[in-house]
PDB file of N, CA and C in Angstrom:
ATOM      1  N   MET A   1      15.989-138.527  54.787  1.00  0.00           N
ATOM      2  CA  MET A   1      17.142-138.586  55.259  1.00  0.00           C
ATOM      3  C   MET A   1      16.743-140.788  55.230  1.00  0.00           C
ATOM      4  N   THR A   2      17.762-140.726  54.369  1.00  0.00           N
ATOM      5  CA  THR A   2      17.502-142.882  54.110  1.00  0.00           C
ATOM      6  C   THR A   2      18.415-142.965  55.538  1.00  0.00           C
ATOM      7  N   VAL A   3      18.194-143.985  56.105  1.00  0.00           N
ATOM      8  CA  VAL A   3      18.540-144.866  57.018  1.00  0.00           C
ATOM      9  C   VAL A   3      18.263-146.242  56.871  1.00  0.00           C
ATOM     10  N   ILE A   4      19.472-147.325  56.486  1.00  0.00           N
ATOM     11  CA  ILE A   4      19.820-148.605  56.132  1.00  0.00           C
ATOM     12  C   ILE A   4      19.876-149.715  57.527  1.00  0.00           C
ATOM     13  N   ILE A   5      19.393-150.703  58.112  1.00  0.00           N
ATOM     14  CA  ILE A   5      20.082-151.455  58.451  1.00  0.00           C
ATOM     15  C   ILE A   5      19.994-153.252  58.280  1.00  0.00           C
ATOM     16  N   TYR A   6      21.647-153.521  58.290  1.00  0.00           N
ATOM     17  CA  TYR A   6      21.564-154.761  58.064  1.00  0.00           C
ATOM     18  C   TYR A   6      21.295-155.573  58.985  1.00  0.00           C
ATOM     19  N   HIS A   7      20.058-156.285  59.091  1.00  0.00           N
ATOM     20  CA  HIS A   7      19.500-156.827  60.450  1.00  0.00           C
ATOM     21  C   HIS A   7      19.827-158.495  60.214  1.00  0.00           C
ATOM     22  N   ASN A   8      19.733-158.615  61.543  1.00  0.00           N
ATOM     23  CA  ASN A   8      19.422-160.128  61.838  1.00  0.00           C
ATOM     24  C   ASN A   8      18.881-159.908  63.460  1.00  0.00           C
ATOM     25  N   PRO A   9      17.177-160.756  63.011  1.00  0.00           N
ATOM     26  CA  PRO A   9      15.785-160.832  63.928  1.00  0.00           C
ATOM     27  C   PRO A   9      16.411-161.494  65.176  1.00  0.00           C
ATOM     28  N   ARG A  10      17.087-162.381  64.878  1.00  0.00           N
ATOM     29  CA  ARG A  10      17.580-162.980  66.129  1.00  0.00           C
ATOM     30  C   ARG A  10      18.667-162.586  67.020  1.00  0.00           C
ATOM     31  N   CYS A  11      19.216-161.921  66.441  1.00  0.00           N
ATOM     32  CA  CYS A  11      19.915-160.776  67.176  1.00  0.00           C
ATOM     33  C   CYS A  11      19.592-160.015  68.060  1.00  0.00           C
ATOM     34  N   SER A  12      19.994-159.876  69.240  1.00  0.00           N
ATOM     35  CA  SER A  12      19.198-159.069  70.346  1.00  0.00           C
ATOM     36  C   SER A  12      19.694-157.820  69.872  1.00  0.00           C
ATOM     37  N   LYS A  13      21.306-157.431  69.328  1.00  0.00           N
ATOM     38  CA  LYS A  13      22.123-156.040  69.792  1.00  0.00           C
ATOM     39  C   LYS A  13      21.112-155.749  68.475  1.00  0.00           C
ATOM     40  N   SER A  14      21.056-156.537  67.329  1.00  0.00           N
ATOM     41  CA  SER A  14      20.180-155.815  66.091  1.00  0.00           C
ATOM     42  C   SER A  14      19.070-155.319  66.160  1.00  0.00           C
ATOM     43  N   ARG A  15      17.907-156.146  67.047  1.00  0.00           N
ATOM     44  CA  ARG A  15      16.848-155.939  67.578  1.00  0.00           C
ATOM     45  C   ARG A  15      16.672-154.548  68.438  1.00  0.00           C
ATOM     46  N   GLN A  16      17.611-154.462  69.497  1.00  0.00           N
ATOM     47  CA  GLN A  16      17.405-153.084  70.426  1.00  0.00           C
ATOM     48  C   GLN A  16      18.305-152.174  69.153  1.00  0.00           C
ATOM     49  N   THR A  17      18.773-152.425  68.390  1.00  0.00           N
ATOM     50  CA  THR A  17      19.568-151.153  67.149  1.00  0.00           C
ATOM     51  C   THR A  17      18.405-150.837  66.872  1.00  0.00           C
ATOM     52  N   LEU A  18      17.813-151.610  66.071  1.00  0.00           N
ATOM     53  CA  LEU A  18      16.385-151.096  65.026  1.00  0.00           C
ATOM     54  C   LEU A  18      15.536-150.530  66.612  1.00  0.00           C
ATOM     55  N   GLN A  19      14.570-150.727  67.566  1.00  0.00           N
ATOM     56  CA  GLN A  19      13.676-150.334  68.515  1.00  0.00           C
ATOM     57  C   GLN A  19      14.802-148.964  68.800  1.00  0.00           C
ATOM     58  N   LEU A  20      15.822-148.402  69.216  1.00  0.00           N
ATOM     59  CA  LEU A  20      16.677-147.536  69.375  1.00  0.00           C
ATOM     60  C   LEU A  20      16.300-146.408  68.277  1.00  0.00           C
ATOM     61  N   LEU A  21      16.266-146.987  66.916  1.00  0.00           N
ATOM     62  CA  LEU A  21      16.334-146.196  65.287  1.00  0.00           C
ATOM     63  C   LEU A  21      14.500-145.460  65.431  1.00  0.00           C
ATOM     64  N   ARG A  22      14.093-146.649  65.630  1.00  0.00           N
ATOM     65  CA  ARG A  22      12.192-146.219  65.682  1.00  0.00           C
ATOM     66  C   ARG A  22      12.154-145.016  67.043  1.00  0.00           C
ATOM     67  N   ASP A  23      12.649-145.571  68.109  1.00  0.00           N
ATOM     68  CA  ASP A  23      12.176-144.578  69.125  1.00  0.00           C
ATOM     69  C   ASP A  23      12.960-143.171  68.815  1.00  0.00           C
ATOM     70  N   ASN A  24      13.697-142.994  68.209  1.00  0.00           N
ATOM     71  CA  ASN A  24      14.012-141.930  67.812  1.00  0.00           C
ATOM     72  C   ASN A  24      13.289-140.880  66.534  1.00  0.00           C
ATOM     73  N   GLY A  25      12.309-141.675  66.084  1.00  0.00           N
ATOM     74  CA  GLY A  25      11.636-141.490  65.110  1.00  0.00           C
ATOM     75  C   GLY A  25      11.721-141.955  63.772  1.00  0.00           C
ATOM     76  N   ILE A  26      12.514-143.041  63.686  1.00  0.00           N
ATOM     77  CA  ILE A  26      13.500-143.487  62.437  1.00  0.00           C
ATOM     78  C   ILE A  26      12.941-144.774  62.195  1.00  0.00           C
ATOM     79  N   GLU A  27      12.052-144.295  60.547  1.00  0.00           N
ATOM     80  CA  GLU A  27      11.972-145.681  60.419  1.00  0.00           C
ATOM     81  C   GLU A  27      12.812-146.305  59.155  1.00  0.00           C
ATOM     82  N   PRO A  28      13.699-147.110  59.143  1.00  0.00           N
ATOM     83  CA  PRO A  28      14.808-147.590  57.966  1.00  0.00           C
ATOM     84  C   PRO A  28      14.122-148.488  57.439  1.00  0.00           C
ATOM     85  N   THR A  29      15.208-148.603  56.433  1.00  0.00           N
ATOM     86  CA  THR A  29      14.767-149.604  55.104  1.00  0.00           C
ATOM     87  C   THR A  29      15.333-150.887  55.859  1.00  0.00           C
ATOM     88  N   ILE A  30      14.927-151.685  56.632  1.00  0.00           N
ATOM     89  CA  ILE A  30      14.890-153.424  57.288  1.00  0.00           C
ATOM     90  C   ILE A  30      15.792-154.179  55.711  1.00  0.00           C
ATOM     91  N   ILE A  31      17.047-154.571  55.588  1.00  0.00           N
ATOM     92  CA  ILE A  31      17.647-155.779  55.389  1.00  0.00           C
ATOM     93  C   ILE A  31      17.921-156.750  55.882  1.00  0.00           C
ATOM     94  N   GLU A  32      17.225-158.037  55.745  1.00  0.00           N
ATOM     95  CA  GLU A  32      17.574-159.248  56.541  1.00  0.00           C
ATOM     96  C   GLU A  32      19.009-159.675  55.835  1.00  0.00           C
ATOM     97  N   TYR A  33      19.755-159.609  55.768  1.00  0.00           N
ATOM     98  CA  TYR A  33      21.037-160.139  55.191  1.00  0.00           C
ATOM     99  C   TYR A  33      21.320-161.702  54.803  1.00  0.00           C
ATOM    100  N   LEU A  34      20.453-162.306  56.339  1.00  0.00           N
ATOM    101  CA  LEU A  34      20.700-164.025  55.958  1.00  0.00           C
ATOM    102  C   LEU A  34      19.551-164.476  55.074  1.00  0.00           C
ATOM    103  N   LYS A  35      18.771-163.285  54.872  1.00  0.00           N
ATOM    104  CA  LYS A  35      17.466-163.802  53.648  1.00  0.00           C
ATOM    105  C   LYS A  35      18.365-163.318  52.350  1.00  0.00           C
ATOM    106  N   ASP A  36      18.771-162.191  52.731  1.00  0.00           N
ATOM    107  CA  ASP A  36      19.003-161.853  51.193  1.00  0.00           C
ATOM    108  C   ASP A  36      20.317-161.361  51.440  1.00  0.00           C
ATOM    109  N   PRO A  37      20.855-162.160  50.963  1.00  0.00           N
ATOM    110  CA  PRO A  37      22.374-162.293  50.925  1.00  0.00           C
ATOM    111  C   PRO A  37      23.287-160.529  49.839  1.00  0.00           C
ATOM    112  N   LEU A  38      24.263-160.583  50.687  1.00  0.00           N
ATOM    113  CA  LEU A  38      24.942-159.329  49.872  1.00  0.00           C
ATOM    114  C   LEU A  38      25.639-159.892  48.843  1.00  0.00           C
ATOM    115  N   GLY A  39      25.538-158.867  48.228  1.00  0.00           N
ATOM    116  CA  GLY A  39      26.940-159.148  46.851  1.00  0.00           C
ATOM    117  C   GLY A  39      27.951-158.041  47.270  1.00  0.00           C
ATOM    118  N   LYS A  40      28.482-158.900  46.178  1.00  0.00           N
ATOM    119  CA  LYS A  40      29.887-158.729  46.263  1.00  0.00           C
ATOM    120  C   LYS A  40      30.293-156.951  46.146  1.00  0.00           C
ATOM    121  N   LYS A  41      29.845-155.827  45.448  1.00  0.00           N
ATOM    122  CA  LYS A  41      29.646-154.521  45.477  1.00  0.00           C
ATOM    123  C   LYS A  41      28.991-154.224  46.886  1.00  0.00           C
ATOM    124  N   GLU A  42      28.047-154.350  47.192  1.00  0.00           N
ATOM    125  CA  GLU A  42      27.187-153.530  48.222  1.00  0.00           C
ATOM    126  C   GLU A  42      28.269-154.223  49.183  1.00  0.00           C
ATOM    127  N   LEU A  43      28.964-155.617  49.666  1.00  0.00           N
ATOM    128  CA  LEU A  43      29.859-155.592  50.878  1.00  0.00           C
ATOM    129  C   LEU A  43      31.150-154.838  50.716  1.00  0.00           C
ATOM    130  N   GLU A  44      31.575-154.645  49.164  1.00  0.00           N
ATOM    131  CA  GLU A  44      32.892-153.835  49.271  1.00  0.00           C
ATOM    132  C   GLU A  44      32.679-152.501  49.602  1.00  0.00           C
ATOM    133  N   ASP A  45      31.236-151.765  49.340  1.00  0.00           N
ATOM    134  CA  ASP A  45      30.572-150.464  49.761  1.00  0.00           C
ATOM    135  C   ASP A  45      31.059-150.344  51.547  1.00  0.00           C
ATOM    136  N   ILE A  46      29.998-151.497  51.574  1.00  0.00           N
ATOM    137  CA  ILE A  46      30.225-151.222  53.032  1.00  0.00           C
ATOM    138  C   ILE A  46      31.266-150.892  54.009  1.00  0.00           C
ATOM    139  N   LEU A  47      32.234-152.061  53.186  1.00  0.00           N
ATOM    140  CA  LEU A  47      33.516-152.516  54.214  1.00  0.00           C
ATOM    141  C   LEU A  47      34.160-150.868  54.042  1.00  0.00           C
ATOM    142  N   LYS A  48      33.990-150.022  53.047  1.00  0.00           N
ATOM    143  CA  LYS A  48      34.750-148.716  52.679  1.00  0.00           C
ATOM    144  C   LYS A  48      34.091-147.533  53.492  1.00  0.00           C
ATOM    145  N   LEU A  49      33.289-148.009  53.663  1.00  0.00           N
ATOM    146  CA  LEU A  49      32.062-146.770  54.574  1.00  0.00           C
ATOM    147  C   LEU A  49      32.615-146.747  56.131  1.00  0.00           C
ATOM    148  N   LEU A  50      32.547-148.498  56.226  1.00  0.00           N
ATOM    149  CA  LEU A  50      33.181-148.984  58.018  1.00  0.00           C
ATOM    150  C   LEU A  50      34.576-148.099  57.721  1.00  0.00           C
ATOM    151  N   ASN A  51      34.871-148.395  56.765  1.00  0.00           N
ATOM    152  CA  ASN A  51      36.719-148.042  57.114  1.00  0.00           C
ATOM    153  C   ASN A  51      37.410-149.764  57.942  1.00  0.00           C
ATOM    154  N   MET A  52      36.711-150.403  56.921  1.00  0.00           N
ATOM    155  CA  MET A  52      37.387-151.655  57.543  1.00  0.00           C
ATOM    156  C   MET A  52      37.927-152.870  56.730  1.00  0.00           C
ATOM    157  N   GLU A  53      38.490-153.364  56.928  1.00  0.00           N
ATOM    158  CA  GLU A  53      39.254-155.196  56.227  1.00  0.00           C
ATOM    159  C   GLU A  53      37.700-155.811  56.039  1.00  0.00           C
ATOM    160  N   PRO A  54      38.006-157.272  55.572  1.00  0.00           N
ATOM    161  CA  PRO A  54      36.518-157.846  55.726  1.00  0.00           C
ATOM    162  C   PRO A  54      37.146-158.573  56.725  1.00  0.00           C
ATOM    163  N   ARG A  55      38.015-159.091  57.364  1.00  0.00           N
ATOM    164  CA  ARG A  55      38.602-159.958  58.741  1.00  0.00           C
ATOM    165  C   ARG A  55      37.768-158.796  60.194  1.00  0.00           C
ATOM    166  N   ASP A  56      37.704-157.703  59.801  1.00  0.00           N
ATOM    167  CA  ASP A  56      37.041-157.065  60.853  1.00  0.00           C
ATOM    168  C   ASP A  56      35.989-157.011  61.140  1.00  0.00           C
ATOM    169  N   LEU A  57      35.369-157.073  59.956  1.00  0.00           N
ATOM    170  CA  LEU A  57      33.645-157.143  60.028  1.00  0.00           C
ATOM    171  C   LEU A  57      33.011-158.396  60.476  1.00  0.00           C
ATOM    172  N   MET A  58      34.419-159.751  60.592  1.00  0.00           N
ATOM    173  CA  MET A  58      33.713-160.868  60.261  1.00  0.00           C
ATOM    174  C   MET A  58      33.456-161.205  61.911  1.00  0.00           C
ATOM    175  N   ARG A  59      32.661-162.019  62.427  1.00  0.00           N
ATOM    176  CA  ARG A  59      31.811-163.008  63.169  1.00  0.00           C
ATOM    177  C   ARG A  59      32.787-163.960  63.354  1.00  0.00           C
ATOM    178  N   LYS A  60      34.454-163.799  64.066  1.00  0.00           N
ATOM    179  CA  LYS A  60      35.152-165.202  64.424  1.00  0.00           C
ATOM    180  C   LYS A  60      34.784-166.231  65.170  1.00  0.00           C
ATOM    181  N   GLN A  61      34.150-166.275  65.998  1.00  0.00           N
ATOM    182  CA  GLN A  61      32.967-167.237  66.972  1.00  0.00           C
ATOM    183  C   GLN A  61      32.688-168.304  66.706  1.00  0.00           C
ATOM    184  N   GLU A  62      31.819-167.242  64.919  1.00  0.00           N
ATOM    185  CA  GLU A  62      31.063-168.344  64.571  1.00  0.00           C
ATOM    186  C   GLU A  62      31.653-169.775  64.031  1.00  0.00           C
ATOM    187  N   HIS A  63      31.016-171.065  63.821  1.00  0.00           N
ATOM    188  CA  HIS A  63      31.506-172.165  62.983  1.00  0.00           C
ATOM    189  C   HIS A  63      31.772-172.103  62.407  1.00  0.00           C
ATOM    190  N   GLU A  64      31.454-171.590  61.125  1.00  0.00           N
ATOM    191  CA  GLU A  64      31.474-171.352  59.231  1.00  0.00           C
ATOM    192  C   GLU A  64      33.438-171.080  59.410  1.00  0.00           C
ATOM    193  N   TYR A  65      33.224-169.528  60.473  1.00  0.00           N
ATOM    194  CA  TYR A  65      34.931-169.081  60.611  1.00  0.00           C
ATOM    195  C   TYR A  65      35.923-169.930  60.992  1.00  0.00           C
ATOM    196  N   LYS A  66      35.433-170.848  61.829  1.00  0.00           N
ATOM    197  CA  LYS A  66      36.657-171.753  62.544  1.00  0.00           C
ATOM    198  C   LYS A  66      36.179-173.283  61.139  1.00  0.00           C
ATOM    199  N   ALA A  67      35.755-173.228  60.782  1.00  0.00           N
ATOM    200  CA  ALA A  67      35.304-174.693  59.605  1.00  0.00           C
ATOM    201  C   ALA A  67      36.213-174.580  58.225  1.00  0.00           C
ATOM    202  N   ALA A  68      36.429-172.911  58.168  1.00  0.00           N
ATOM    203  CA  ALA A  68      36.754-172.752  56.999  1.00  0.00           C
ATOM    204  C   ALA A  68      38.312-172.014  57.195  1.00  0.00           C
ATOM    205  N   TRP A  69      38.776-172.531  57.833  1.00  0.00           N
ATOM    206  CA  TRP A  69      40.070-171.923  58.579  1.00  0.00           C
ATOM    207  C   TRP A  69      40.687-170.375  57.965  1.00  0.00           C
ATOM    208  N   LEU A  70      39.319-169.485  57.941  1.00  0.00           N
ATOM    209  CA  LEU A  70      39.366-168.475  57.532  1.00  0.00           C
ATOM    210  C   LEU A  70      40.204-167.460  58.683  1.00  0.00           C
ATOM    211  N   ASP A  71      41.356-167.740  59.589  1.00  0.00           N
ATOM    212  CA  ASP A  71      41.885-167.197  59.835  1.00  0.00           C
ATOM    213  C   ASP A  71      43.316-167.033  59.701  1.00  0.00           C
ATOM    214  N   ASN A  72      43.696-168.033  58.811  1.00  0.00           N
ATOM    215  CA  ASN A  72      44.663-167.935  57.821  1.00  0.00           C
ATOM    216  C   ASN A  72      44.538-166.936  57.339  1.00  0.00           C
ATOM    217  N   PRO A  73      46.500-166.624  57.641  1.00  0.00           N
ATOM    218  CA  PRO A  73      46.507-165.229  56.828  1.00  0.00           C
ATOM    219  C   PRO A  73      47.039-164.824  55.939  1.00  0.00           C
ATOM    220  N   LYS A  74      46.816-165.986  55.285  1.00  0.00           N
ATOM    221  CA  LYS A  74      47.323-165.999  53.675  1.00  0.00           C
ATOM    222  C   LYS A  74      46.033-165.728  53.312  1.00  0.00           C
ATOM    223  N   LEU A  75      45.171-165.992  53.566  1.00  0.00           N
ATOM    224  CA  LEU A  75      43.739-165.440  52.866  1.00  0.00           C
ATOM    225  C   LEU A  75      43.388-164.296  52.230  1.00  0.00           C
ATOM    226  N   SER A  76      43.578-164.252  50.375  1.00  0.00           N
ATOM    227  CA  SER A  76      43.104-162.965  50.097  1.00  0.00           C
ATOM    228  C   SER A  76      41.389-161.950  50.991  1.00  0.00           C
ATOM    229  N   ARG A  77      41.683-160.604  50.380  1.00  0.00           N
ATOM    230  CA  ARG A  77      41.087-159.943  50.785  1.00  0.00           C
ATOM    231  C   ARG A  77      39.850-160.202  49.917  1.00  0.00           C
ATOM    232  N   ASN A  78      39.562-160.778  48.847  1.00  0.00           N
ATOM    233  CA  ASN A  78      38.174-161.135  47.853  1.00  0.00           C
ATOM    234  C   ASN A  78      38.297-162.952  48.672  1.00  0.00           C
ATOM    235  N   GLU A  79      38.910-163.663  48.604  1.00  0.00           N
ATOM    236  CA  GLU A  79      38.593-164.828  49.761  1.00  0.00           C
ATOM    237  C   GLU A  79      37.409-164.381  50.898  1.00  0.00           C
ATOM    238  N   LEU A  80      37.951-163.679  51.795  1.00  0.00           N
ATOM    239  CA  LEU A  80      37.136-163.258  52.811  1.00  0.00           C
ATOM    240  C   LEU A  80      35.931-163.102  52.467  1.00  0.00           C
ATOM    241  N   ILE A  81      35.909-161.501  51.533  1.00  0.00           N
ATOM    242  CA  ILE A  81      34.605-161.517  50.781  1.00  0.00           C
ATOM    243  C   ILE A  81      33.731-162.131  50.426  1.00  0.00           C
ATOM    244  N   SER A  82      34.518-163.255  49.227  1.00  0.00           N
ATOM    245  CA  SER A  82      33.680-164.495  49.163  1.00  0.00           C
ATOM    246  C   SER A  82      33.094-165.107  50.348  1.00  0.00           C
ATOM    247  N   ALA A  83      34.106-165.337  51.515  1.00  0.00           N
ATOM    248  CA  ALA A  83      33.350-166.608  52.511  1.00  0.00           C
ATOM    249  C   ALA A  83      32.145-165.969  53.063  1.00  0.00           C
ATOM    250  N   MET A  84      32.279-164.730  53.197  1.00  0.00           N
ATOM    251  CA  MET A  84      30.879-163.707  53.629  1.00  0.00           C
ATOM    252  C   MET A  84      30.270-163.585  53.159  1.00  0.00           C
ATOM    253  N   ILE A  85      29.983-163.976  51.857  1.00  0.00           N
ATOM    254  CA  ILE A  85      28.761-164.248  50.576  1.00  0.00           C
ATOM    255  C   ILE A  85      28.381-164.892  50.682  1.00  0.00           C
ATOM    256  N   GLN A  86      29.080-166.223  50.509  1.00  0.00           N
ATOM    257  CA  GLN A  86      28.830-167.577  50.687  1.00  0.00           C
ATOM    258  C   GLN A  86      27.804-167.873  52.188  1.00  0.00           C
ATOM    259  N   HIS A  87      28.422-167.394  53.456  1.00  0.00           N
ATOM    260  CA  HIS A  87      28.467-167.298  54.256  1.00  0.00           C
ATOM    261  C   HIS A  87      28.013-166.057  55.100  1.00  0.00           C
ATOM    262  N   PRO A  88      26.709-166.096  55.154  1.00  0.00           N
ATOM    263  CA  PRO A  88      26.251-164.183  55.701  1.00  0.00           C
ATOM    264  C   PRO A  88      26.272-164.153  57.211  1.00  0.00           C
ATOM    265  N   VAL A  89      26.133-165.361  57.672  1.00  0.00           N
ATOM    266  CA  VAL A  89      26.633-165.600  59.397  1.00  0.00           C
ATOM    267  C   VAL A  89      27.232-165.310  59.726  1.00  0.00           C
ATOM    268  N   LEU A  90      28.482-164.793  58.804  1.00  0.00           N
ATOM    269  CA  LEU A  90      29.757-164.524  59.424  1.00  0.00           C
ATOM    270  C   LEU A  90      30.267-162.668  59.745  1.00  0.00           C
ATOM    271  N   ILE A  91      28.929-162.343  58.966  1.00  0.00           N
ATOM    272  CA  ILE A  91      28.774-160.502  58.951  1.00  0.00           C
ATOM    273  C   ILE A  91      28.633-160.197  60.219  1.00  0.00           C
ATOM    274  N   GLU A  92      28.940-158.872  60.865  1.00  0.00           N
ATOM    275  CA  GLU A  92      29.233-158.707  62.170  1.00  0.00           C
ATOM    276  C   GLU A  92      27.322-157.971  61.815  1.00  0.00           C
ATOM    277  N   ARG A  93      27.045-157.474  62.759  1.00  0.00           N
ATOM    278  CA  ARG A  93      25.771-157.480  63.371  1.00  0.00           C
ATOM    279  C   ARG A  93      25.176-156.519  64.380  1.00  0.00           C
ATOM    280  N   PRO A  94      24.738-155.328  64.049  1.00  0.00           N
ATOM    281  CA  PRO A  94      23.702-154.808  63.042  1.00  0.00           C
ATOM    282  C   PRO A  94      24.862-153.448  62.317  1.00  0.00           C
ATOM    283  N   ILE A  95      24.204-153.596  60.992  1.00  0.00           N
ATOM    284  CA  ILE A  95      24.943-152.298  59.946  1.00  0.00           C
ATOM    285  C   ILE A  95      23.837-151.070  59.787  1.00  0.00           C
ATOM    286  N   ILE A  96      24.644-150.290  60.298  1.00  0.00           N
ATOM    287  CA  ILE A  96      23.253-148.935  59.739  1.00  0.00           C
ATOM    288  C   ILE A  96      24.206-148.069  58.929  1.00  0.00           C
ATOM    289  N   ILE A  97      23.366-147.569  57.844  1.00  0.00           N
ATOM    290  CA  ILE A  97      23.899-146.886  56.628  1.00  0.00           C
ATOM    291  C   ILE A  97      23.259-145.653  56.988  1.00  0.00           C
ATOM    292  N   ALA A  98      23.946-144.969  56.790  1.00  0.00           N
ATOM    293  CA  ALA A  98      22.863-143.255  56.661  1.00  0.00           C
ATOM    294  C   ALA A  98      23.830-141.970  56.856  1.00  0.00           C
ATOM    295  N   ASN A  99      23.742-140.732  56.003  1.00  0.00           N
ATOM    296  CA  ASN A  99      24.364-139.742  55.177  1.00  0.00           C
ATOM    297  C   ASN A  99      25.760-140.118  54.984  1.00  0.00           C
ATOM    298  N   HIS A 100      25.760-141.681  54.163  1.00  0.00           N
ATOM    299  CA  HIS A 100      27.010-141.537  53.801  1.00  0.00           C
ATOM    300  C   HIS A 100      28.315-142.086  54.966  1.00  0.00           C
ATOM    301  N   LYS A 101      27.433-142.514  55.313  1.00  0.00           N
ATOM    302  CA  LYS A 101      28.503-143.638  56.835  1.00  0.00           C
ATOM    303  C   LYS A 101      27.598-144.221  56.927  1.00  0.00           C
ATOM    304  N   ALA A 102      28.694-145.510  57.634  1.00  0.00           N
ATOM    305  CA  ALA A 102      28.198-146.479  58.305  1.00  0.00           C
ATOM    306  C   ALA A 102      28.727-147.001  59.325  1.00  0.00           C
ATOM    307  N   VAL A 103      28.113-147.882  60.740  1.00  0.00           N
ATOM    308  CA  VAL A 103      28.684-147.849  61.545  1.00  0.00           C
ATOM    309  C   VAL A 103      27.711-149.364  62.169  1.00  0.00           C
ATOM    310  N   ILE A 104      28.377-150.249  63.030  1.00  0.00           N
ATOM    311  CA  ILE A 104      28.472-151.373  63.033  1.00  0.00           C
ATOM    312  C   ILE A 104      27.326-150.920  65.052  1.00  0.00           C
ATOM    313  N   GLY A 105      26.035-151.040  65.174  1.00  0.00           N
ATOM    314  CA  GLY A 105      25.168-151.118  66.317  1.00  0.00           C
ATOM    315  C   GLY A 105      25.595-151.841  67.573  1.00  0.00           C
ATOM    316  N   ARG A 106      27.228-151.835  68.307  1.00  0.00           N
ATOM    317  CA  ARG A 106      27.076-152.569  68.612  1.00  0.00           C
ATOM    318  C   ARG A 106      27.971-151.782  69.839  1.00  0.00           C
ATOM    319  N   PRO A 107      27.554-150.297  70.641  1.00  0.00           N
ATOM    320  CA  PRO A 107      26.733-150.681  71.120  1.00  0.00           C
ATOM    321  C   PRO A 107      25.010-149.909  70.583  1.00  0.00           C
ATOM    322  N   PRO A 108      24.093-150.674  71.006  1.00  0.00           N
ATOM    323  CA  PRO A 108      23.149-150.213  70.117  1.00  0.00           C
ATOM    324  C   PRO A 108      23.161-148.230  69.266  1.00  0.00           C
ATOM    325  N   GLY A 109      23.457-148.454  70.487  1.00  0.00           N
ATOM    326  CA  GLY A 109      23.909-146.152  70.741  1.00  0.00           C
ATOM    327  C   GLY A 109      24.754-145.384  69.405  1.00  0.00           C
ATOM    328  N   LYS A 110      25.323-146.786  68.765  1.00  0.00           N
ATOM    329  CA  LYS A 110      26.534-145.820  67.904  1.00  0.00           C
ATOM    330  C   LYS A 110      25.406-145.562  66.687  1.00  0.00           C
ATOM    331  N   ALA A 111      24.741-146.755  66.486  1.00  0.00           N
ATOM    332  CA  ALA A 111      23.538-146.289  65.146  1.00  0.00           C
ATOM    333  C   ALA A 111      23.515-144.563  65.349  1.00  0.00           C
ATOM    334  N   LEU A 112      23.311-144.125  66.311  1.00  0.00           N
ATOM    335  CA  LEU A 112      22.557-142.301  66.613  1.00  0.00           C
ATOM    336  C   LEU A 112      23.737-141.843  66.429  1.00  0.00           C
ATOM    337  N   GLU A 113      25.358-141.825  65.728  1.00  0.00           N
ATOM    338  CA  GLU A 113      26.325-141.268  65.712  1.00  0.00           C
ATOM    339  C   GLU A 113      26.463-140.661  64.548  1.00  0.00           C
ATOM    340  N   ILE A 114      25.238-141.667  63.700  1.00  0.00           N
ATOM    341  CA  ILE A 114      25.902-141.197  61.875  1.00  0.00           C
ATOM    342  C   ILE A 114      24.151-140.611  61.715  1.00  0.00           C
ATOM    343  N   ILE A 115      23.707-140.204  62.487  1.00  0.00           N
ATOM    344  CA  ILE A 115      22.342-139.999  62.375  1.00  0.00           C
ATOM    345  C   ILE A 115      22.010-138.354  62.321  1.00  0.00           C
TER     346      ILE A 115
END
């Protein structure tokens, strides 16, 4: 089974989720999405697996969210996705993908729901 974690090592929840996976004998493929930003197709695929809209996956408390007025309801799906590609810090984390499913690891134990 392949398990992928979109990880931010500076985030405590992301670190806890990674450790939980390892504690359960799972060594996931780690993608540090701040260093290796997601492309549009990859982000669209993740949104589909999560059954979420772009704004649902955004960290609304981030400076970039407020500075770019991303709370504007007139922004299109493509505009929101473009903002997440341009500013990956806006993407909620960690995201875990396994068995053709995805989940946000908040709380970290949610990662085990799809394993």
